[in-house]
């Protein structure tokens, strides 16, 4: 892993996504920026009053969506940042934003309300006065939306009515993630637990509980091809296999961070796992869990994004550092 280029932004880098070989970057100053593959800045567009909270490129790359502290949800051209459509202008801070896998449906959440649009047309809102949306993720089939709220995990179906509760647990969730097959849902909680719901085939669905984390489990990353999840709720990256009996499930901690891990991401081919922490340490791990390389990103890591071909890794930090790394052959841990 070698640094190809870096850029300094005036505020924290809160979101990064790829458009072909260019980077789309949202920052806490409300701007959307584009950097070409060689690091050349293409634009810096002021799209939101207050910070950008989420940037999501539609799966086909035809348009991007962003949400902000100003309550707006915008669609824009990723090549020019020209606004194509304003989908929402709400009083509440938009905290979550996600495209369905087919790119037709966009969901945004603010407090206790979920907004839905299909191909730019409103599908209405889902509102639940009892539950605030604390985390949200689409299932790979694009028809089910999982939301995590205080003490529970819920499943909404597009075109359906009331959500179905899948899990009940103590504590507040902070992260939720589907496995690539759409059979398991992971929820990290504020009180240091990892809860997993597994859809039953012949047997009933089951709930798995992993414990022992020293802090909130805010980082989750499923292996792209195996029933394995990487998680973090402290300085260790912890791998869990969710296959087999409870007796066979053992924690596999990966130890190279001295401070809390704040971001996790598998490469598309699962040959590497990237982890970043509060001190700015960025680590690469191989499939066996061995440390491949360590670099310093220069500030608390907020976001990581692999290029589609896995040849590059982008990293954004709280103090405005944006770095792009080229991924080469393993160099050995240190």
Protein backbone atom coordinates (compact mmCIF):
# COMPACT_ATOMS: atom_id res chain seq x y z
CA UNK A 1 0.00 0.00 0.00
CA UNK A 2 1.58 3.25 -1.14
CA UNK A 3 0.11 6.73 -1.09
CA UNK A 4 -0.74 7.95 -4.58
CA UNK A 5 -1.93 11.40 -3.59
CA UNK A 6 -3.52 13.36 -0.74
CA UNK A 7 -5.60 16.49 -0.34
CA UNK A 8 -6.36 18.75 2.60
CA UNK A 9 -9.97 19.84 3.13
CA UNK A 10 -11.03 22.62 5.52
CA UNK A 11 -13.40 20.31 7.44
CA UNK A 12 -13.82 16.61 8.25
CA UNK A 13 -14.21 14.13 5.39
CA UNK A 14 -17.48 12.40 6.32
CA UNK A 15 -18.27 10.38 3.18
CA UNK A 16 -16.39 8.99 0.18
CA UNK A 17 -17.65 7.08 -2.86
CA UNK A 18 -16.22 6.12 -6.24
CA UNK A 19 -17.42 7.25 -9.67
CA UNK A 20 -15.35 5.23 -12.17
CA UNK A 21 -11.78 6.14 -11.13
CA UNK A 22 -12.78 9.46 -9.53
CA UNK A 23 -13.60 10.13 -5.88
CA UNK A 24 -16.76 11.89 -4.69
CA UNK A 25 -16.24 13.39 -1.26
CA UNK A 26 -18.69 14.93 1.19
CA UNK A 27 -17.38 17.09 4.00
CA UNK A 28 -18.53 18.80 7.16
CA UNK A 29 -18.50 22.20 5.43
CA UNK A 30 -21.50 21.17 3.29
CA UNK A 31 -19.53 20.75 0.08
CA UNK A 32 -19.40 17.95 -2.43
CA UNK A 33 -16.03 17.56 -4.11
CA UNK A 34 -14.78 15.46 -6.98
CA UNK A 35 -11.15 14.39 -7.38
CA UNK A 36 -10.04 12.70 -10.57
CA UNK A 37 -7.93 9.55 -10.45
CA UNK A 38 -4.67 11.51 -10.42
CA UNK A 39 -5.86 13.74 -7.56
CA UNK A 40 -6.85 16.72 -9.71
CA UNK A 41 -9.77 18.62 -8.11
CA UNK A 42 -12.71 18.81 -10.53
CA UNK A 43 -15.22 20.81 -8.47
CA UNK A 44 -16.21 21.87 -4.96
CA UNK A 45 -19.97 22.47 -4.92
CA UNK A 46 -21.81 23.94 -1.94
CA UNK A 47 -24.87 21.70 -1.90
CA UNK A 48 -25.89 21.75 1.76
CA UNK A 49 -26.14 24.41 4.47
CA UNK A 50 -24.27 22.77 7.32
CA UNK A 51 -22.43 19.52 6.91
CA UNK A 52 -22.98 16.74 4.41
CA UNK A 53 -24.06 13.66 6.37
CA UNK A 54 -24.20 11.06 3.57
CA UNK A 55 -23.05 10.66 -0.04
CA UNK A 56 -24.37 7.69 -2.01
CA UNK A 57 -23.74 7.01 -5.68
CA UNK A 58 -26.54 5.13 -7.44
CA UNK A 59 -25.33 1.59 -8.27
CA UNK A 60 -25.25 2.31 -12.01
CA UNK A 61 -23.30 5.55 -11.44
CA UNK A 62 -25.85 7.66 -13.34
CA UNK A 63 -26.48 10.03 -10.45
CA UNK A 64 -25.51 10.65 -6.87
CA UNK A 65 -27.53 11.40 -3.77
CA UNK A 66 -26.53 13.39 -0.73
CA UNK A 67 -28.12 14.27 2.57
CA UNK A 68 -27.24 17.02 4.97
CA UNK A 69 -27.71 18.68 8.31
CA UNK A 70 -30.05 21.10 6.52
CA UNK A 71 -32.66 18.35 6.04
CA UNK A 72 -32.27 18.28 2.26
CA UNK A 73 -31.89 15.22 0.06
CA UNK A 74 -30.49 16.02 -3.38
CA UNK A 75 -29.84 14.12 -6.59
CA UNK A 76 -26.95 15.45 -8.68
CA UNK A 77 -24.79 14.70 -11.69
CA UNK A 78 -21.56 13.10 -10.42
CA UNK A 79 -19.57 14.54 -13.34
CA UNK A 80 -20.56 18.17 -12.73
CA UNK A 81 -22.37 18.36 -9.34
CA UNK A 82 -25.33 19.98 -11.13
CA UNK A 83 -28.42 19.40 -8.99
CA UNK A 84 -30.91 17.23 -10.85
CA UNK A 85 -33.67 17.12 -8.26
CA UNK A 86 -34.42 18.12 -4.70
CA UNK A 87 -36.22 15.20 -3.11
CA UNK A 88 -36.70 16.56 0.39
CA UNK A 89 -36.30 19.74 2.38
CA UNK A 90 -37.19 18.78 5.92
CA UNK A 91 -36.65 20.43 9.26
CA UNK A 92 -34.92 17.37 10.69
CA UNK A 93 -31.30 16.45 10.11
CA UNK A 94 -31.14 13.58 7.59
CA UNK A 95 -29.03 10.93 9.32
CA UNK A 96 -29.26 7.92 6.97
CA UNK A 97 -29.37 7.50 3.20
CA UNK A 98 -29.29 4.32 1.11
CA UNK A 99 -30.03 3.08 -2.43
CA UNK A 100 -31.65 -0.27 -3.09
CA UNK A 101 -29.43 -2.71 -4.99
CA UNK A 102 -31.25 -2.10 -8.29
CA UNK A 103 -30.80 1.67 -7.95
CA UNK A 104 -34.49 2.43 -8.32
CA UNK A 105 -35.42 3.15 -4.70
CA UNK A 106 -33.77 5.62 -2.36
CA UNK A 107 -34.47 5.70 1.38
CA UNK A 108 -33.63 8.51 3.78
CA UNK A 109 -34.26 8.61 7.50
CA UNK A 110 -34.57 11.48 9.96
CA UNK A 111 -35.50 10.78 13.57
CA UNK A 112 -38.68 8.61 13.44
CA UNK A 113 -39.47 9.08 9.74
CA UNK A 114 -38.29 7.18 6.66
CA UNK A 115 -38.74 8.80 3.24
CA UNK A 116 -38.89 6.69 0.10
CA UNK A 117 -38.51 7.61 -3.57
CA UNK A 118 -38.65 5.36 -6.62
CA UNK A 119 -37.03 6.75 -9.76
CA UNK A 120 -37.34 10.24 -8.29
CA UNK A 121 -41.04 9.94 -7.43
CA UNK A 122 -42.15 9.87 -3.82
CA UNK A 123 -43.44 6.58 -2.45
CA UNK A 124 -44.52 8.37 0.70
CA UNK A 125 -43.16 8.06 4.22
CA UNK A 126 -43.00 5.46 6.95
CA UNK A 127 -43.46 6.93 10.39
CA UNK A 128 -43.30 5.21 13.74
CA UNK A 129 -43.88 7.43 16.76
CA UNK A 130 -42.40 4.78 19.08
CA UNK A 131 -39.03 4.29 17.43
CA UNK A 132 -36.23 6.54 16.22
CA UNK A 133 -34.18 5.15 13.32
CA UNK A 134 -30.61 4.73 14.60
CA UNK A 135 -29.25 2.64 11.70
CA UNK A 136 -30.59 1.48 8.34
CA UNK A 137 -29.64 -0.87 5.48
CA UNK A 138 -31.29 -2.33 2.38
CA UNK A 139 -31.35 -6.08 1.88
CA UNK A 140 -29.48 -7.26 -1.25
CA UNK A 141 -32.82 -8.09 -2.91
CA UNK A 142 -33.80 -4.40 -2.79
CA UNK A 143 -37.28 -5.14 -1.45
CA UNK A 144 -36.61 -5.14 2.29
CA UNK A 145 -35.26 -2.33 4.45
CA UNK A 146 -33.87 -3.09 7.88
CA UNK A 147 -33.95 -0.40 10.53
CA UNK A 148 -32.45 -0.59 14.00
CA UNK A 149 -34.11 1.33 16.80
CA UNK A 150 -33.80 1.34 20.55
CA UNK A 151 -33.95 -2.30 21.74
CA UNK A 152 -34.97 -3.78 18.42
CA UNK A 153 -34.35 -4.64 14.77
CA UNK A 154 -37.22 -4.18 12.32
CA UNK A 155 -37.87 -5.21 8.74
CA UNK A 156 -39.96 -3.10 6.36
CA UNK A 157 -41.18 -4.32 2.97
CA UNK A 158 -41.71 -1.90 0.10
CA UNK A 159 -45.46 -1.82 -0.46
CA UNK A 160 -46.10 -3.26 3.00
CA UNK A 161 -47.47 -1.63 6.13
CA UNK A 162 -46.22 -2.17 9.67
CA UNK A 163 -42.65 -3.46 10.09
CA UNK A 164 -41.90 -6.90 11.46
CA UNK A 165 -39.66 -7.04 14.52
CA UNK A 166 -36.80 -9.49 13.95
CA UNK A 167 -34.77 -9.04 17.12
CA UNK A 168 -35.21 -7.66 20.59
CA UNK A 169 -32.18 -6.73 22.69
CA UNK A 170 -31.13 -4.32 25.44
CA UNK A 171 -29.31 -1.15 24.52
CA UNK A 172 -29.29 1.19 21.56
CA UNK A 173 -28.02 0.08 18.14
CA UNK A 174 -25.35 2.08 16.34
CA UNK A 175 -24.74 0.04 13.17
CA UNK A 176 -26.58 -2.47 11.01
CA UNK A 177 -25.38 -4.51 8.00
CA UNK A 178 -26.74 -7.29 5.75
CA UNK A 179 -24.61 -10.18 4.63
CA UNK A 180 -24.23 -10.36 0.81
CA UNK A 181 -26.67 -13.29 0.56
CA UNK A 182 -29.41 -11.43 2.41
CA UNK A 183 -29.76 -14.24 4.97
CA UNK A 184 -28.23 -12.56 8.02
CA UNK A 185 -28.42 -9.14 9.64
CA UNK A 186 -25.84 -7.82 12.07
CA UNK A 187 -26.50 -5.11 14.63
CA UNK A 188 -23.83 -3.44 16.76
CA UNK A 189 -25.04 -1.86 19.98
CA UNK A 190 -24.01 0.97 22.26
CA UNK A 191 -23.48 -1.35 25.22
CA UNK A 192 -20.88 -3.56 23.52
CA UNK A 193 -22.86 -6.41 21.96
CA UNK A 194 -23.05 -7.77 18.44
CA UNK A 195 -26.49 -9.20 17.66
CA UNK A 196 -27.10 -11.26 14.52
CA UNK A 197 -30.42 -12.39 13.07
CA UNK A 198 -30.23 -15.40 10.79
CA UNK A 199 -33.11 -16.25 8.50
CA UNK A 200 -34.13 -19.88 8.83
CA UNK A 201 -34.47 -22.13 5.80
CA UNK A 202 -36.04 -25.23 7.30
CA UNK A 203 -35.48 -24.31 10.95
CA UNK A 204 -36.87 -21.13 12.58
CA UNK A 205 -34.88 -17.92 12.39
CA UNK A 206 -32.40 -17.48 15.22
CA UNK A 207 -30.65 -14.76 17.15
CA UNK A 208 -26.93 -14.92 17.87
CA UNK A 209 -25.32 -12.74 20.54
CA UNK A 210 -21.60 -11.98 20.60
CA UNK A 211 -20.28 -10.19 23.67
CA UNK A 212 -17.03 -9.07 25.25
CA UNK A 213 -16.49 -5.78 23.39
CA UNK A 214 -15.12 -2.96 25.60
CA UNK A 215 -17.18 -0.27 23.86
CA UNK A 216 -19.96 0.35 21.36
CA UNK A 217 -19.84 -1.90 18.29
CA UNK A 218 -19.97 0.78 15.62
CA UNK A 219 -18.02 -0.95 12.82
CA UNK A 220 -19.34 -3.91 10.82
CA UNK A 221 -18.12 -5.44 7.56
CA UNK A 222 -19.34 -8.74 6.11
CA UNK A 223 -16.98 -10.92 4.11
CA UNK A 224 -18.09 -10.71 0.44
CA UNK A 225 -18.29 -14.50 -0.02
CA UNK A 226 -18.17 -16.30 3.34
CA UNK A 227 -20.44 -16.31 6.44
CA UNK A 228 -17.90 -14.20 8.30
CA UNK A 229 -18.23 -10.75 9.80
CA UNK A 230 -15.55 -8.30 10.90
CA UNK A 231 -16.54 -6.06 13.78
CA UNK A 232 -15.02 -3.57 16.16
CA UNK A 233 -16.05 -2.13 19.49
CA UNK A 234 -12.64 -1.10 20.79
CA UNK A 235 -9.02 -1.39 19.62
CA UNK A 236 -9.39 -4.96 18.31
CA UNK A 237 -10.89 -6.04 15.01
CA UNK A 238 -12.92 -9.17 15.83
CA UNK A 239 -13.81 -11.82 13.25
CA UNK A 240 -16.79 -14.11 13.79
CA UNK A 241 -18.01 -17.02 11.72
CA UNK A 242 -21.81 -17.20 11.90
CA UNK A 243 -21.97 -20.73 10.53
CA UNK A 244 -22.44 -23.80 12.68
CA UNK A 245 -23.29 -24.25 16.34
CA UNK A 246 -22.67 -21.84 19.19
CA UNK A 247 -19.86 -24.06 20.43
CA UNK A 248 -18.04 -23.66 17.14
CA UNK A 249 -18.24 -19.87 17.06
CA UNK A 250 -15.00 -18.40 18.38
CA UNK A 251 -13.85 -14.80 18.38
CA UNK A 252 -10.75 -14.20 16.28
CA UNK A 253 -9.28 -10.85 17.41
CA UNK A 254 -6.86 -8.99 15.16
CA UNK A 255 -4.56 -6.80 17.24
CA UNK A 256 -2.55 -3.91 15.81
CA UNK A 257 -4.52 -0.85 16.92
CA UNK A 258 -3.87 0.94 20.20
CA UNK A 259 -7.01 3.06 19.97
CA UNK A 260 -10.65 2.42 19.06
CA UNK A 261 -11.25 1.20 15.51
CA UNK A 262 -13.53 3.61 13.66
CA UNK A 263 -13.81 2.14 10.14
CA UNK A 264 -13.73 -1.30 8.50
CA UNK A 265 -13.95 -2.34 4.84
CA UNK A 266 -13.29 -5.54 2.90
CA UNK A 267 -11.80 -5.27 -0.57
CA UNK A 268 -14.22 -6.43 -3.31
CA UNK A 269 -12.43 -9.77 -3.73
CA UNK A 270 -12.00 -10.18 0.05
CA UNK A 271 -8.23 -10.51 -0.31
CA UNK A 272 -7.73 -7.67 2.19
CA UNK A 273 -9.54 -6.14 5.14
CA UNK A 274 -8.82 -2.48 5.93
CA UNK A 275 -9.24 -1.02 9.41
CA UNK A 276 -8.69 2.53 10.61
CA UNK A 277 -8.67 3.92 14.14
CA UNK A 278 -9.05 7.07 16.20
CA UNK A 279 -5.32 7.81 16.16
CA UNK A 280 -5.12 7.66 12.36
CA UNK A 281 -3.54 4.21 12.10
CA UNK A 282 -4.65 2.34 8.97
CA UNK A 283 -4.06 -1.42 8.80
CA UNK A 284 -4.40 -4.05 6.10
CA UNK A 285 -5.09 -7.69 7.00
CA UNK A 286 -4.97 -10.80 4.82
CA UNK A 287 -7.74 -13.48 4.80
CA UNK A 288 -5.99 -15.45 7.54
CA UNK A 289 -6.02 -12.41 9.83
CA UNK A 290 -2.31 -11.65 9.54
CA UNK A 291 -1.22 -8.04 9.48
CA UNK A 292 0.00 -7.05 6.02
CA UNK A 293 0.83 -3.37 6.42
CA UNK A 294 0.37 -0.31 8.62
CA UNK A 295 0.35 3.35 7.52
CA UNK A 296 -0.53 6.59 9.29
CA UNK A 297 -3.45 8.53 7.80
CA UNK A 298 -2.78 11.71 9.78
CA UNK A 299 -6.02 11.92 11.76
CA UNK A 300 -8.95 9.90 13.09
CA UNK A 301 -10.25 7.73 10.26
CA UNK A 302 -13.91 8.43 9.50
CA UNK A 303 -14.44 6.59 6.21
CA UNK A 304 -12.82 4.02 3.94
CA UNK A 305 -13.80 3.19 0.35
CA UNK A 306 -12.31 0.58 -1.97
CA UNK A 307 -12.30 1.14 -5.71
CA UNK A 308 -14.51 -1.29 -7.64
CA UNK A 309 -11.48 -3.30 -8.82
CA UNK A 310 -9.80 -3.27 -5.41
CA UNK A 311 -6.66 -1.59 -6.71
CA UNK A 312 -7.09 1.56 -4.60
CA UNK A 313 -8.28 2.51 -1.13
CA UNK A 314 -9.53 5.98 -0.19
CA UNK A 315 -9.39 7.22 3.39
CA UNK A 316 -10.98 10.30 4.96
CA UNK A 317 -10.24 11.76 8.40
CA UNK A 318 -11.76 14.11 10.95
CA UNK A 319 -9.13 16.77 10.34
CA UNK A 320 -9.80 16.96 6.60
CA UNK A 321 -7.16 14.62 5.18
CA UNK A 322 -8.19 12.71 2.07
CA UNK A 323 -5.67 10.08 0.99
CA UNK A 324 -5.66 7.64 -1.88
CA UNK A 325 -3.54 4.51 -1.58
CA UNK A 326 -2.48 2.14 -4.34
CA UNK A 327 -2.70 -1.48 -3.26
CA UNK A 328 0.26 -3.62 -4.24
CA UNK A 329 1.57 -7.06 -3.29
CA UNK A 330 1.74 -7.80 0.47
CA UNK A 331 4.81 -6.28 2.09
CA UNK A 332 4.60 -8.00 5.47
CA UNK A 333 3.31 -6.64 8.75
CA UNK A 334 5.12 -4.33 11.08
